[in-house]
Amino acid sequence: AWACIFIYPFGINSLYAWLLFNNREGIQAQSPRVAYLGFLTNSYTRARYYWEPIDSLRRCALTGLLVLIRKPNKRIGMGALLSLAFQALYRYAEPYENPEDAWMSGLANSEITFTFVMLTAHAAEALSDEMTTVWCVGVNVVLVPCVLGFLLYNAYRRQAVLRALERGQLSNDVEAIEFMYRAGPESRELLRGKIMEWARDKAGLKSVDSRLAEKYIDSVF
């Protein structure tokens, strides 16, 4: 058990941090040489390419670290302080490339913070067992359908953008196009390819200079 505690929270995160630090120039320049690190960097903005170890530290702190605190009241208080601190940090840094990921992260952090605040109030005997259960369960019951609805609605909007391009039209849903562009390399390549096809068909050409098209698309976003 102690070996696993050392390997994941310290070993894996240290390895991630070392890889990101040693390849920081290539990551900033988006060099193909460091494409293998995409699983660590693709979710974050170029300025926050190093954020994955920080996010992993957050997960470890809010789970494994709290287990080491034996007294329940102190454990709850530390959890509330940590969740508030990480929520403020994420709000300030805005690390995510995709606005949808940022929204989901903010919602999840708010839910964790709210749960710890309710448990703190319960530990201080400000809330009964029943009221604590109602609030903690109620928040999850309300939020989960909202999150699912949000994801389904955005998926529908993105599909509408692609269908419009396939019909030879350019969608005026700029926010949905931006979501697709910022969702990651695969989504960005799909959107770029569809827009290039649309531009080619509109111009009545057999091909479009991909470099010019990419330069134009990148300048839009």
C-alpha atoms as a PDB file:
ATOM      1  CA  ALA A   1       0.000   0.000   0.000  1.00  0.00           C
ATOM      2  CA  TRP A   2       2.792   2.436   0.864  1.00  0.00           C
ATOM      3  CA  ALA A   3       4.495   1.650  -2.457  1.00  0.00           C
ATOM      4  CA  CYS A   4       1.300   2.577  -4.341  1.00  0.00           C
ATOM      5  CA  ILE A   5       0.967   5.782  -2.297  1.00  0.00           C
ATOM      6  CA  PHE A   6       4.485   6.753  -3.328  1.00  0.00           C
ATOM      7  CA  ILE A   7       4.149   5.706  -6.986  1.00  0.00           C
ATOM      8  CA  TYR A   8       0.960   7.570  -7.885  1.00  0.00           C
ATOM      9  CA  PRO A   9       0.741  10.821  -5.902  1.00  0.00           C
ATOM     10  CA  PHE A  10       4.468  11.471  -5.975  1.00  0.00           C
ATOM     11  CA  GLY A  11       6.044   9.309  -8.694  1.00  0.00           C
ATOM     12  CA  ILE A  12       3.525   9.776 -11.525  1.00  0.00           C
ATOM     13  CA  ASN A  13       2.991  13.472 -10.876  1.00  0.00           C
ATOM     14  CA  SER A  14       6.727  14.082 -10.644  1.00  0.00           C
ATOM     15  CA  LEU A  15       7.213  12.269 -13.952  1.00  0.00           C
ATOM     16  CA  TYR A  16       4.491  14.369 -15.600  1.00  0.00           C
ATOM     17  CA  ALA A  17       6.017  17.584 -14.232  1.00  0.00           C
ATOM     18  CA  TRP A  18       9.487  16.565 -15.425  1.00  0.00           C
ATOM     19  CA  LEU A  19       8.260  15.732 -18.935  1.00  0.00           C
ATOM     20  CA  LEU A  20       6.360  18.999 -19.235  1.00  0.00           C
ATOM     21  CA  PHE A  21       9.241  21.086 -17.918  1.00  0.00           C
ATOM     22  CA  ASN A  22      11.867  19.456 -20.143  1.00  0.00           C
ATOM     23  CA  ASN A  23       9.682  19.831 -23.248  1.00  0.00           C
ATOM     24  CA  ARG A  24       8.184  23.248 -22.462  1.00  0.00           C
ATOM     25  CA  GLU A  25       9.704  24.981 -25.499  1.00  0.00           C
ATOM     26  CA  GLY A  26       8.425  22.338 -27.912  1.00  0.00           C
ATOM     27  CA  ILE A  27       4.980  22.403 -26.306  1.00  0.00           C
ATOM     28  CA  GLN A  28       4.784  26.184 -26.571  1.00  0.00           C
ATOM     29  CA  ALA A  29       5.863  26.018 -30.211  1.00  0.00           C
ATOM     30  CA  GLN A  30       3.443  23.096 -30.868  1.00  0.00           C
ATOM     31  CA  SER A  31       6.273  21.035 -32.296  1.00  0.00           C
ATOM     32  CA  PRO A  32       5.361  17.596 -33.733  1.00  0.00           C
ATOM     33  CA  ARG A  33       8.296  16.254 -31.734  1.00  0.00           C
ATOM     34  CA  VAL A  34       6.296  16.506 -28.510  1.00  0.00           C
ATOM     35  CA  ALA A  35       2.946  15.354 -29.903  1.00  0.00           C
ATOM     36  CA  TYR A  36       3.153  12.285 -27.654  1.00  0.00           C
ATOM     37  CA  LEU A  37       2.530  14.604 -24.678  1.00  0.00           C
ATOM     38  CA  GLY A  38      -0.868  15.604 -26.048  1.00  0.00           C
ATOM     39  CA  PHE A  39      -2.650  13.519 -23.403  1.00  0.00           C
ATOM     40  CA  LEU A  40      -1.182  15.918 -20.808  1.00  0.00           C
ATOM     41  CA  THR A  41      -1.596  19.220 -22.647  1.00  0.00           C
ATOM     42  CA  ASN A  42      -4.497  19.092 -25.118  1.00  0.00           C
ATOM     43  CA  SER A  43      -7.151  19.988 -22.551  1.00  0.00           C
ATOM     44  CA  TYR A  44      -5.384  23.164 -21.459  1.00  0.00           C
ATOM     45  CA  THR A  45      -4.468  26.508 -22.970  1.00  0.00           C
ATOM     46  CA  ARG A  46      -0.956  27.016 -24.280  1.00  0.00           C
ATOM     47  CA  ALA A  47      -0.161  29.287 -21.337  1.00  0.00           C
ATOM     48  CA  ARG A  48      -1.298  26.579 -18.862  1.00  0.00           C
ATOM     49  CA  TYR A  49       0.271  23.577 -20.585  1.00  0.00           C
ATOM     50  CA  TYR A  50       1.650  22.436 -17.205  1.00  0.00           C
ATOM     51  CA  TRP A  51      -1.754  22.128 -15.483  1.00  0.00           C
ATOM     52  CA  GLU A  52      -2.238  18.345 -15.523  1.00  0.00           C
ATOM     53  CA  PRO A  53       0.024  17.689 -12.482  1.00  0.00           C
ATOM     54  CA  ILE A  54      -1.813  20.461 -10.607  1.00  0.00           C
ATOM     55  CA  ASP A  55      -5.182  18.873 -11.398  1.00  0.00           C
ATOM     56  CA  SER A  56      -3.850  15.492 -10.330  1.00  0.00           C
ATOM     57  CA  LEU A  57      -2.598  17.050  -7.092  1.00  0.00           C
ATOM     58  CA  ARG A  58      -6.088  18.446  -6.486  1.00  0.00           C
ATOM     59  CA  ARG A  59      -7.645  15.000  -6.868  1.00  0.00           C
ATOM     60  CA  CYS A  60      -5.092  13.414  -4.556  1.00  0.00           C
ATOM     61  CA  ALA A  61      -5.478  16.179  -1.943  1.00  0.00           C
ATOM     62  CA  LEU A  62      -9.280  15.917  -1.844  1.00  0.00           C
ATOM     63  CA  THR A  63      -9.227  12.135  -1.489  1.00  0.00           C
ATOM     64  CA  GLY A  64      -6.048  10.478  -0.232  1.00  0.00           C
ATOM     65  CA  LEU A  65      -4.737  13.384   1.842  1.00  0.00           C
ATOM     66  CA  LEU A  66      -7.960  13.746   3.813  1.00  0.00           C
ATOM     67  CA  VAL A  67      -7.875  10.073   4.785  1.00  0.00           C
ATOM     68  CA  LEU A  68      -4.668  10.744   6.731  1.00  0.00           C
ATOM     69  CA  ILE A  69      -6.530  13.167   9.031  1.00  0.00           C
ATOM     70  CA  ARG A  70      -8.020  10.991  11.756  1.00  0.00           C
ATOM     71  CA  LYS A  71     -10.444  13.368  13.480  1.00  0.00           C
ATOM     72  CA  PRO A  72     -13.645  13.718  11.398  1.00  0.00           C
ATOM     73  CA  ASN A  73     -14.201  17.397  12.195  1.00  0.00           C
ATOM     74  CA  LYS A  74     -10.656  18.338  11.217  1.00  0.00           C
ATOM     75  CA  ARG A  75     -10.955  16.219   8.076  1.00  0.00           C
ATOM     76  CA  ILE A  76     -14.134  18.027   7.031  1.00  0.00           C
ATOM     77  CA  GLY A  77     -12.642  21.445   7.802  1.00  0.00           C
ATOM     78  CA  MET A  78      -9.495  20.690   5.808  1.00  0.00           C
ATOM     79  CA  GLY A  79     -11.616  19.419   2.916  1.00  0.00           C
ATOM     80  CA  ALA A  80     -13.631  22.642   2.901  1.00  0.00           C
ATOM     81  CA  LEU A  81     -10.473  24.792   2.934  1.00  0.00           C
ATOM     82  CA  LEU A  82      -8.824  22.769   0.168  1.00  0.00           C
ATOM     83  CA  SER A  83     -11.903  22.810  -2.055  1.00  0.00           C
ATOM     84  CA  LEU A  84     -12.293  26.577  -1.628  1.00  0.00           C
ATOM     85  CA  ALA A  85      -8.594  27.143  -2.355  1.00  0.00           C
ATOM     86  CA  PHE A  86      -8.626  25.018  -5.508  1.00  0.00           C
ATOM     87  CA  GLN A  87     -11.856  26.618  -6.718  1.00  0.00           C
ATOM     88  CA  ALA A  88     -10.284  30.079  -6.346  1.00  0.00           C
ATOM     89  CA  LEU A  89      -7.112  28.887  -8.098  1.00  0.00           C
ATOM     90  CA  TYR A  90      -9.001  27.459 -11.073  1.00  0.00           C
ATOM     91  CA  ARG A  91     -11.139  30.572 -11.301  1.00  0.00           C
ATOM     92  CA  TYR A  92      -8.051  32.757 -11.417  1.00  0.00           C
ATOM     93  CA  ALA A  93      -5.924  30.624 -13.767  1.00  0.00           C
ATOM     94  CA  GLU A  94      -8.651  29.633 -16.279  1.00  0.00           C
ATOM     95  CA  PRO A  95      -6.551  26.691 -17.487  1.00  0.00           C
ATOM     96  CA  TYR A  96      -8.948  24.946 -19.865  1.00  0.00           C
ATOM     97  CA  GLU A  97      -8.831  25.369 -23.631  1.00  0.00           C
ATOM     98  CA  ASN A  98     -12.434  24.293 -24.121  1.00  0.00           C
ATOM     99  CA  PRO A  99     -15.032  26.621 -22.513  1.00  0.00           C
ATOM    100  CA  GLU A 100     -17.255  23.595 -21.965  1.00  0.00           C
ATOM    101  CA  ASP A 101     -14.534  21.906 -19.895  1.00  0.00           C
ATOM    102  CA  ALA A 102     -14.091  25.106 -17.891  1.00  0.00           C
ATOM    103  CA  TRP A 103     -17.826  25.242 -17.189  1.00  0.00           C
ATOM    104  CA  MET A 104     -17.948  21.595 -16.129  1.00  0.00           C
ATOM    105  CA  SER A 105     -14.875  21.974 -13.921  1.00  0.00           C
ATOM    106  CA  GLY A 106     -16.317  25.045 -12.227  1.00  0.00           C
ATOM    107  CA  LEU A 107     -19.595  23.257 -11.596  1.00  0.00           C
ATOM    108  CA  ALA A 108     -17.870  20.177 -10.163  1.00  0.00           C
ATOM    109  CA  ASN A 109     -15.620  22.266  -7.907  1.00  0.00           C
ATOM    110  CA  SER A 110     -18.634  24.253  -6.696  1.00  0.00           C
ATOM    111  CA  GLU A 111     -20.493  21.046  -5.893  1.00  0.00           C
ATOM    112  CA  ILE A 112     -17.530  19.660  -3.924  1.00  0.00           C
ATOM    113  CA  THR A 113     -17.167  22.939  -2.019  1.00  0.00           C
ATOM    114  CA  PHE A 114     -20.894  23.049  -1.257  1.00  0.00           C
ATOM    115  CA  THR A 115     -20.827  19.479   0.065  1.00  0.00           C
ATOM    116  CA  PHE A 116     -17.928  20.223   2.399  1.00  0.00           C
ATOM    117  CA  VAL A 117     -19.609  23.415   3.623  1.00  0.00           C
ATOM    118  CA  MET A 118     -22.773  21.451   4.430  1.00  0.00           C
ATOM    119  CA  LEU A 119     -20.736  18.831   6.277  1.00  0.00           C
ATOM    120  CA  THR A 120     -18.948  21.584   8.188  1.00  0.00           C
ATOM    121  CA  ALA A 121     -22.296  23.044   9.228  1.00  0.00           C
ATOM    122  CA  HIS A 122     -23.420  19.572  10.299  1.00  0.00           C
ATOM    123  CA  ALA A 123     -20.253  19.049  12.334  1.00  0.00           C
ATOM    124  CA  ALA A 124     -20.911  22.380  14.063  1.00  0.00           C
ATOM    125  CA  GLU A 125     -24.451  21.129  14.836  1.00  0.00           C
ATOM    126  CA  ALA A 126     -25.956  23.909  12.725  1.00  0.00           C
ATOM    127  CA  LEU A 127     -27.727  21.352  10.535  1.00  0.00           C
ATOM    128  CA  SER A 128     -29.507  18.148  11.468  1.00  0.00           C
ATOM    129  CA  ASP A 129     -28.727  14.796   9.910  1.00  0.00           C
ATOM    130  CA  GLU A 130     -31.880  14.976   7.817  1.00  0.00           C
ATOM    131  CA  MET A 131     -31.253  18.470   6.490  1.00  0.00           C
ATOM    132  CA  THR A 132     -27.635  17.678   5.635  1.00  0.00           C
ATOM    133  CA  THR A 133     -28.760  14.631   3.677  1.00  0.00           C
ATOM    134  CA  VAL A 134     -31.483  16.594   1.888  1.00  0.00           C
ATOM    135  CA  TRP A 135     -29.093  19.363   0.831  1.00  0.00           C
ATOM    136  CA  CYS A 136     -26.211  17.109  -0.256  1.00  0.00           C
ATOM    137  CA  VAL A 137     -28.425  14.653  -2.147  1.00  0.00           C
ATOM    138  CA  GLY A 138     -30.689  17.387  -3.500  1.00  0.00           C
ATOM    139  CA  VAL A 139     -27.820  19.289  -5.100  1.00  0.00           C
ATOM    140  CA  ASN A 140     -26.706  16.163  -6.948  1.00  0.00           C
ATOM    141  CA  VAL A 141     -30.257  15.306  -8.022  1.00  0.00           C
ATOM    142  CA  VAL A 142     -30.694  18.794  -9.487  1.00  0.00           C
ATOM    143  CA  LEU A 143     -27.236  19.203 -11.029  1.00  0.00           C
ATOM    144  CA  VAL A 144     -26.873  15.851 -12.799  1.00  0.00           C
ATOM    145  CA  PRO A 145     -29.890  16.351 -15.132  1.00  0.00           C
ATOM    146  CA  CYS A 146     -28.779  19.947 -15.784  1.00  0.00           C
ATOM    147  CA  VAL A 147     -25.294  18.815 -16.741  1.00  0.00           C
ATOM    148  CA  LEU A 148     -26.634  16.062 -19.007  1.00  0.00           C
ATOM    149  CA  GLY A 149     -29.010  18.530 -20.648  1.00  0.00           C
ATOM    150  CA  PHE A 150     -26.192  21.013 -21.183  1.00  0.00           C
ATOM    151  CA  LEU A 151     -23.959  18.377 -22.802  1.00  0.00           C
ATOM    152  CA  LEU A 152     -26.735  17.076 -25.048  1.00  0.00           C
ATOM    153  CA  TYR A 153     -27.702  20.595 -26.124  1.00  0.00           C
ATOM    154  CA  ASN A 154     -24.121  21.484 -27.048  1.00  0.00           C
ATOM    155  CA  ALA A 155     -23.714  18.185 -28.902  1.00  0.00           C
ATOM    156  CA  TYR A 156     -26.861  19.029 -30.890  1.00  0.00           C
ATOM    157  CA  ARG A 157     -25.487  22.491 -31.731  1.00  0.00           C
ATOM    158  CA  ARG A 158     -22.183  21.065 -32.937  1.00  0.00           C
ATOM    159  CA  GLN A 159     -23.963  18.532 -35.110  1.00  0.00           C
ATOM    160  CA  ALA A 160     -26.083  21.367 -36.551  1.00  0.00           C
ATOM    161  CA  VAL A 161     -22.865  23.196 -37.519  1.00  0.00           C
ATOM    162  CA  LEU A 162     -21.541  20.126 -39.352  1.00  0.00           C
ATOM    163  CA  ARG A 163     -24.869  19.479 -41.089  1.00  0.00           C
ATOM    164  CA  ALA A 164     -25.000  23.097 -42.266  1.00  0.00           C
ATOM    165  CA  LEU A 165     -21.494  22.795 -43.730  1.00  0.00           C
ATOM    166  CA  GLU A 166     -22.457  19.581 -45.501  1.00  0.00           C
ATOM    167  CA  ARG A 167     -25.407  21.434 -47.087  1.00  0.00           C
ATOM    168  CA  GLY A 168     -23.045  24.144 -48.314  1.00  0.00           C
ATOM    169  CA  GLN A 169     -24.008  26.663 -45.647  1.00  0.00           C
ATOM    170  CA  LEU A 170     -21.925  28.328 -42.952  1.00  0.00           C
ATOM    171  CA  SER A 171     -23.689  28.263 -39.589  1.00  0.00           C
ATOM    172  CA  ASN A 172     -24.117  31.557 -37.772  1.00  0.00           C
ATOM    173  CA  ASP A 173     -23.813  29.828 -34.398  1.00  0.00           C
ATOM    174  CA  VAL A 174     -20.392  31.284 -33.666  1.00  0.00           C
ATOM    175  CA  GLU A 175     -20.361  30.022 -30.080  1.00  0.00           C
ATOM    176  CA  ALA A 176     -20.899  26.406 -31.189  1.00  0.00           C
ATOM    177  CA  ILE A 177     -18.137  26.750 -33.786  1.00  0.00           C
ATOM    178  CA  GLU A 178     -15.818  28.136 -31.114  1.00  0.00           C
ATOM    179  CA  PHE A 179     -16.673  25.247 -28.785  1.00  0.00           C
ATOM    180  CA  MET A 180     -15.741  22.798 -31.534  1.00  0.00           C
ATOM    181  CA  TYR A 181     -12.535  24.621 -32.325  1.00  0.00           C
ATOM    182  CA  ARG A 182     -11.424  24.667 -28.696  1.00  0.00           C
ATOM    183  CA  ALA A 183     -12.529  21.123 -27.857  1.00  0.00           C
ATOM    184  CA  GLY A 184      -9.176  19.629 -28.856  1.00  0.00           C
ATOM    185  CA  PRO A 185      -7.011  18.716 -31.860  1.00  0.00           C
ATOM    186  CA  GLU A 186      -9.363  16.071 -33.278  1.00  0.00           C
ATOM    187  CA  SER A 187     -12.418  18.326 -33.134  1.00  0.00           C
ATOM    188  CA  ARG A 188     -10.363  21.203 -34.533  1.00  0.00           C
ATOM    189  CA  GLU A 189      -9.166  19.097 -37.475  1.00  0.00           C
ATOM    190  CA  LEU A 190     -12.720  17.946 -38.189  1.00  0.00           C
ATOM    191  CA  LEU A 191     -14.000  21.519 -38.171  1.00  0.00           C
ATOM    192  CA  ARG A 192     -11.083  22.744 -40.292  1.00  0.00           C
ATOM    193  CA  GLY A 193     -11.656  20.002 -42.857  1.00  0.00           C
ATOM    194  CA  LYS A 194     -15.385  20.742 -43.089  1.00  0.00           C
ATOM    195  CA  ILE A 195     -14.782  24.471 -43.516  1.00  0.00           C
ATOM    196  CA  MET A 196     -12.154  23.806 -46.189  1.00  0.00           C
ATOM    197  CA  GLU A 197     -14.650  21.598 -48.049  1.00  0.00           C
ATOM    198  CA  TRP A 198     -17.275  24.328 -47.746  1.00  0.00           C
ATOM    199  CA  ALA A 199     -14.832  26.975 -49.056  1.00  0.00           C
ATOM    200  CA  ARG A 200     -13.829  24.733 -51.951  1.00  0.00           C
ATOM    201  CA  ASP A 201     -17.430  24.064 -52.954  1.00  0.00           C
ATOM    202  CA  LYS A 202     -18.355  27.726 -52.639  1.00  0.00           C
ATOM    203  CA  ALA A 203     -15.463  28.781 -54.849  1.00  0.00           C
ATOM    204  CA  GLY A 204     -16.141  25.999 -57.342  1.00  0.00           C
ATOM    205  CA  LEU A 205     -12.563  24.774 -57.063  1.00  0.00           C
ATOM    206  CA  LYS A 206     -11.212  21.264 -57.020  1.00  0.00           C
ATOM    207  CA  SER A 207      -8.845  22.093 -54.165  1.00  0.00           C
ATOM    208  CA  VAL A 208      -8.056  24.832 -51.686  1.00  0.00           C
ATOM    209  CA  ASP A 209      -4.591  25.813 -50.484  1.00  0.00           C
ATOM    210  CA  SER A 210      -4.634  24.181 -47.036  1.00  0.00           C
ATOM    211  CA  ARG A 211      -2.028  26.563 -45.616  1.00  0.00           C
ATOM    212  CA  LEU A 212      -4.053  29.642 -46.554  1.00  0.00           C
ATOM    213  CA  ALA A 213      -7.257  28.056 -45.285  1.00  0.00           C
ATOM    214  CA  GLU A 214      -5.682  27.074 -41.971  1.00  0.00           C
ATOM    215  CA  LYS A 215      -4.177  30.551 -41.571  1.00  0.00           C
ATOM    216  CA  TYR A 216      -7.604  32.099 -42.144  1.00  0.00           C
ATOM    217  CA  ILE A 217      -9.407  29.729 -39.779  1.00  0.00           C
ATOM    218  CA  ASP A 218      -6.810  30.198 -37.040  1.00  0.00           C
ATOM    219  CA  SER A 219      -7.058  33.977 -37.380  1.00  0.00           C
ATOM    220  CA  VAL A 220     -10.822  33.820 -36.821  1.00  0.00           C
ATOM    221  CA  PHE A 221     -10.381  32.111 -33.464  1.00  0.00           C
END
